[in-house]
């Protein structure tokens, strides 16, 4: 009976090892696919950012190049937002002045009509 129990335990462990091996193979395949997707994404980012730097030279794009390009784009985006804010403030100021001039013109026009 002990021998039967040992055989059953060995069979169970063998089944568990096979399952673990199967899971390991699946995980390795998923890891490989994720790596390929990452490389593809890096190439796409670099092609969008700088077409001459990606793919066309035949060189592999480094993560550092991608990070630097993304930082550069973020900096440019921040500068663009700041410039937009300044232009918005300037526009608002000019609209306020235009309203004042328009009101003053209306007052002047009314005064001229009264004088006539």
C-alpha atoms as a PDB file:
ATOM      1  CA  UNK A   1       0.000   0.000   0.000  1.00  0.00           C
ATOM      2  CA  UNK A   2       2.892   2.380   0.810  1.00  0.00           C
ATOM      3  CA  UNK A   3       4.331   1.621  -2.602  1.00  0.00           C
ATOM      4  CA  UNK A   4       0.992   2.478  -4.221  1.00  0.00           C
ATOM      5  CA  UNK A   5       0.857   5.766  -2.323  1.00  0.00           C
ATOM      6  CA  UNK A   6       4.423   6.600  -3.361  1.00  0.00           C
ATOM      7  CA  UNK A   7       3.597   5.844  -7.005  1.00  0.00           C
ATOM      8  CA  UNK A   8       0.502   8.061  -6.779  1.00  0.00           C
ATOM      9  CA  UNK A   9       2.516  10.862  -5.157  1.00  0.00           C
ATOM     10  CA  UNK A  10       5.215  10.539  -7.831  1.00  0.00           C
ATOM     11  CA  UNK A  11       2.604  10.606 -10.570  1.00  0.00           C
ATOM     12  CA  UNK A  12       1.028  13.692  -9.012  1.00  0.00           C
ATOM     13  CA  UNK A  13       4.385  15.433  -8.754  1.00  0.00           C
ATOM     14  CA  UNK A  14       5.229  14.487 -12.325  1.00  0.00           C
ATOM     15  CA  UNK A  15       1.917  16.005 -13.449  1.00  0.00           C
ATOM     16  CA  UNK A  16       2.649  19.149 -11.466  1.00  0.00           C
ATOM     17  CA  UNK A  17       6.135  19.398 -13.001  1.00  0.00           C
ATOM     18  CA  UNK A  18       4.689  19.027 -16.502  1.00  0.00           C
ATOM     19  CA  UNK A  19       2.154  21.770 -15.721  1.00  0.00           C
ATOM     20  CA  UNK A  20       4.897  24.014 -14.368  1.00  0.00           C
ATOM     21  CA  UNK A  21       6.947  23.371 -17.504  1.00  0.00           C
ATOM     22  CA  UNK A  22       3.974  24.210 -19.691  1.00  0.00           C
ATOM     23  CA  UNK A  23       3.395  27.468 -17.762  1.00  0.00           C
ATOM     24  CA  UNK A  24       7.082  28.321 -18.015  1.00  0.00           C
ATOM     25  CA  UNK A  25       7.000  27.857 -21.802  1.00  0.00           C
ATOM     26  CA  UNK A  26       3.894  30.050 -22.022  1.00  0.00           C
ATOM     27  CA  UNK A  27       5.520  32.735 -19.883  1.00  0.00           C
ATOM     28  CA  UNK A  28       8.681  32.658 -21.999  1.00  0.00           C
ATOM     29  CA  UNK A  29       6.609  32.999 -25.164  1.00  0.00           C
ATOM     30  CA  UNK A  30       4.680  35.916 -23.655  1.00  0.00           C
ATOM     31  CA  UNK A  31       7.939  37.538 -22.559  1.00  0.00           C
ATOM     32  CA  UNK A  32       9.350  37.142 -26.075  1.00  0.00           C
ATOM     33  CA  UNK A  33       6.192  38.685 -27.580  1.00  0.00           C
ATOM     34  CA  UNK A  34       6.322  41.556 -25.076  1.00  0.00           C
ATOM     35  CA  UNK A  35       9.954  42.208 -26.015  1.00  0.00           C
ATOM     36  CA  UNK A  36       9.054  42.236 -29.701  1.00  0.00           C
ATOM     37  CA  UNK A  37       6.154  44.603 -29.029  1.00  0.00           C
ATOM     38  CA  UNK A  38       8.438  46.904 -27.032  1.00  0.00           C
ATOM     39  CA  UNK A  39      10.980  46.986 -29.841  1.00  0.00           C
ATOM     40  CA  UNK A  40       8.227  47.681 -32.359  1.00  0.00           C
ATOM     41  CA  UNK A  41       6.831  50.454 -30.158  1.00  0.00           C
ATOM     42  CA  UNK A  42      10.297  52.020 -29.782  1.00  0.00           C
ATOM     43  CA  UNK A  43      10.719  51.978 -33.556  1.00  0.00           C
ATOM     44  CA  UNK A  44       7.300  53.528 -34.085  1.00  0.00           C
ATOM     45  CA  UNK A  45       8.039  56.282 -31.549  1.00  0.00           C
ATOM     46  CA  UNK A  46      11.353  57.047 -33.177  1.00  0.00           C
ATOM     47  CA  UNK A  47       9.842  57.035 -36.671  1.00  0.00           C
ATOM     48  CA  UNK A  48       7.221  59.531 -35.556  1.00  0.00           C
ATOM     49  CA  UNK A  49       9.772  61.641 -33.704  1.00  0.00           C
ATOM     50  CA  UNK A  50      12.569  61.467 -36.218  1.00  0.00           C
ATOM     51  CA  UNK A  51      12.060  59.333 -39.329  1.00  0.00           C
ATOM     52  CA  UNK A  52      15.732  59.478 -40.273  1.00  0.00           C
ATOM     53  CA  UNK A  53      16.752  58.050 -36.872  1.00  0.00           C
ATOM     54  CA  UNK A  54      14.568  54.983 -36.951  1.00  0.00           C
ATOM     55  CA  UNK A  55      14.694  51.922 -39.092  1.00  0.00           C
ATOM     56  CA  UNK A  56      16.053  53.565 -42.209  1.00  0.00           C
ATOM     57  CA  UNK A  57      19.639  53.513 -40.945  1.00  0.00           C
ATOM     58  CA  UNK A  58      19.389  49.824 -40.142  1.00  0.00           C
ATOM     59  CA  UNK A  59      20.665  50.479 -36.623  1.00  0.00           C
ATOM     60  CA  UNK A  60      18.823  49.303 -33.545  1.00  0.00           C
ATOM     61  CA  UNK A  61      17.252  52.114 -31.582  1.00  0.00           C
ATOM     62  CA  UNK A  62      18.281  52.247 -27.951  1.00  0.00           C
ATOM     63  CA  UNK A  63      15.915  52.849 -25.084  1.00  0.00           C
ATOM     64  CA  UNK A  64      17.996  55.898 -24.177  1.00  0.00           C
ATOM     65  CA  UNK A  65      17.348  57.401 -27.620  1.00  0.00           C
ATOM     66  CA  UNK A  66      13.620  56.880 -27.168  1.00  0.00           C
ATOM     67  CA  UNK A  67      13.702  58.386 -23.666  1.00  0.00           C
ATOM     68  CA  UNK A  68      15.675  61.412 -24.862  1.00  0.00           C
ATOM     69  CA  UNK A  69      13.314  61.981 -27.776  1.00  0.00           C
ATOM     70  CA  UNK A  70      10.243  61.681 -25.544  1.00  0.00           C
ATOM     71  CA  UNK A  71      11.806  64.155 -23.091  1.00  0.00           C
ATOM     72  CA  UNK A  72      12.536  66.532 -25.957  1.00  0.00           C
ATOM     73  CA  UNK A  73       8.931  66.283 -27.132  1.00  0.00           C
ATOM     74  CA  UNK A  74       7.678  66.873 -23.581  1.00  0.00           C
ATOM     75  CA  UNK A  75       9.893  69.958 -23.275  1.00  0.00           C
ATOM     76  CA  UNK A  76       8.679  71.282 -26.609  1.00  0.00           C
ATOM     77  CA  UNK A  77       5.098  70.592 -25.571  1.00  0.00           C
ATOM     78  CA  UNK A  78       5.617  72.494 -22.292  1.00  0.00           C
ATOM     79  CA  UNK A  79       7.145  75.435 -24.153  1.00  0.00           C
ATOM     80  CA  UNK A  80       4.249  75.384 -26.581  1.00  0.00           C
ATOM     81  CA  UNK A  81       1.735  75.462 -23.713  1.00  0.00           C
ATOM     82  CA  UNK A  82       3.579  78.365 -22.085  1.00  0.00           C
ATOM     83  CA  UNK A  83       3.659  80.266 -25.391  1.00  0.00           C
ATOM     84  CA  UNK A  84      -0.043  79.559 -25.883  1.00  0.00           C
ATOM     85  CA  UNK A  85      -0.781  80.900 -22.396  1.00  0.00           C
ATOM     86  CA  UNK A  86       1.204  84.073 -23.093  1.00  0.00           C
ATOM     87  CA  UNK A  87      -0.568  84.581 -26.410  1.00  0.00           C
ATOM     88  CA  UNK A  88      -3.946  83.988 -24.742  1.00  0.00           C
ATOM     89  CA  UNK A  89      -3.161  86.624 -22.111  1.00  0.00           C
ATOM     90  CA  UNK A  90      -1.994  89.047 -24.802  1.00  0.00           C
ATOM     91  CA  UNK A  91      -5.153  88.434 -26.810  1.00  0.00           C
ATOM     92  CA  UNK A  92      -7.309  88.985 -23.749  1.00  0.00           C
ATOM     93  CA  UNK A  93      -5.493  92.220 -22.995  1.00  0.00           C
ATOM     94  CA  UNK A  94      -5.909  93.447 -26.558  1.00  0.00           C
ATOM     95  CA  UNK A  95      -9.620  92.582 -26.536  1.00  0.00           C
ATOM     96  CA  UNK A  96     -10.060  94.563 -23.325  1.00  0.00           C
ATOM     97  CA  UNK A  97      -8.259  97.557 -24.865  1.00  0.00           C
ATOM     98  CA  UNK A  98     -10.339  97.219 -28.022  1.00  0.00           C
ATOM     99  CA  UNK A  99     -13.543  97.331 -25.954  1.00  0.00           C
ATOM    100  CA  UNK A 100     -12.290 100.462 -24.177  1.00  0.00           C
ATOM    101  CA  UNK A 101     -11.430 102.135 -27.477  1.00  0.00           C
ATOM    102  CA  UNK A 102     -14.791 101.132 -28.900  1.00  0.00           C
ATOM    103  CA  UNK A 103     -16.598 102.560 -25.874  1.00  0.00           C
ATOM    104  CA  UNK A 104     -14.565 105.781 -26.076  1.00  0.00           C
ATOM    105  CA  UNK A 105     -15.307 106.025 -29.787  1.00  0.00           C
ATOM    106  CA  UNK A 106     -19.004 105.642 -29.068  1.00  0.00           C
ATOM    107  CA  UNK A 107     -18.849 108.395 -26.422  1.00  0.00           C
ATOM    108  CA  UNK A 108     -16.966 110.659 -28.839  1.00  0.00           C
ATOM    109  CA  UNK A 109     -19.466 109.936 -31.620  1.00  0.00           C
ATOM    110  CA  UNK A 110     -22.389 110.740 -29.320  1.00  0.00           C
ATOM    111  CA  UNK A 111     -20.690 113.959 -28.216  1.00  0.00           C
ATOM    112  CA  UNK A 112     -20.142 114.990 -31.826  1.00  0.00           C
ATOM    113  CA  UNK A 113     -23.808 114.330 -32.608  1.00  0.00           C
ATOM    114  CA  UNK A 114     -24.834 116.496 -29.650  1.00  0.00           C
ATOM    115  CA  UNK A 115     -22.556 119.296 -30.798  1.00  0.00           C
ATOM    116  CA  UNK A 116     -24.073 119.296 -34.260  1.00  0.00           C
END
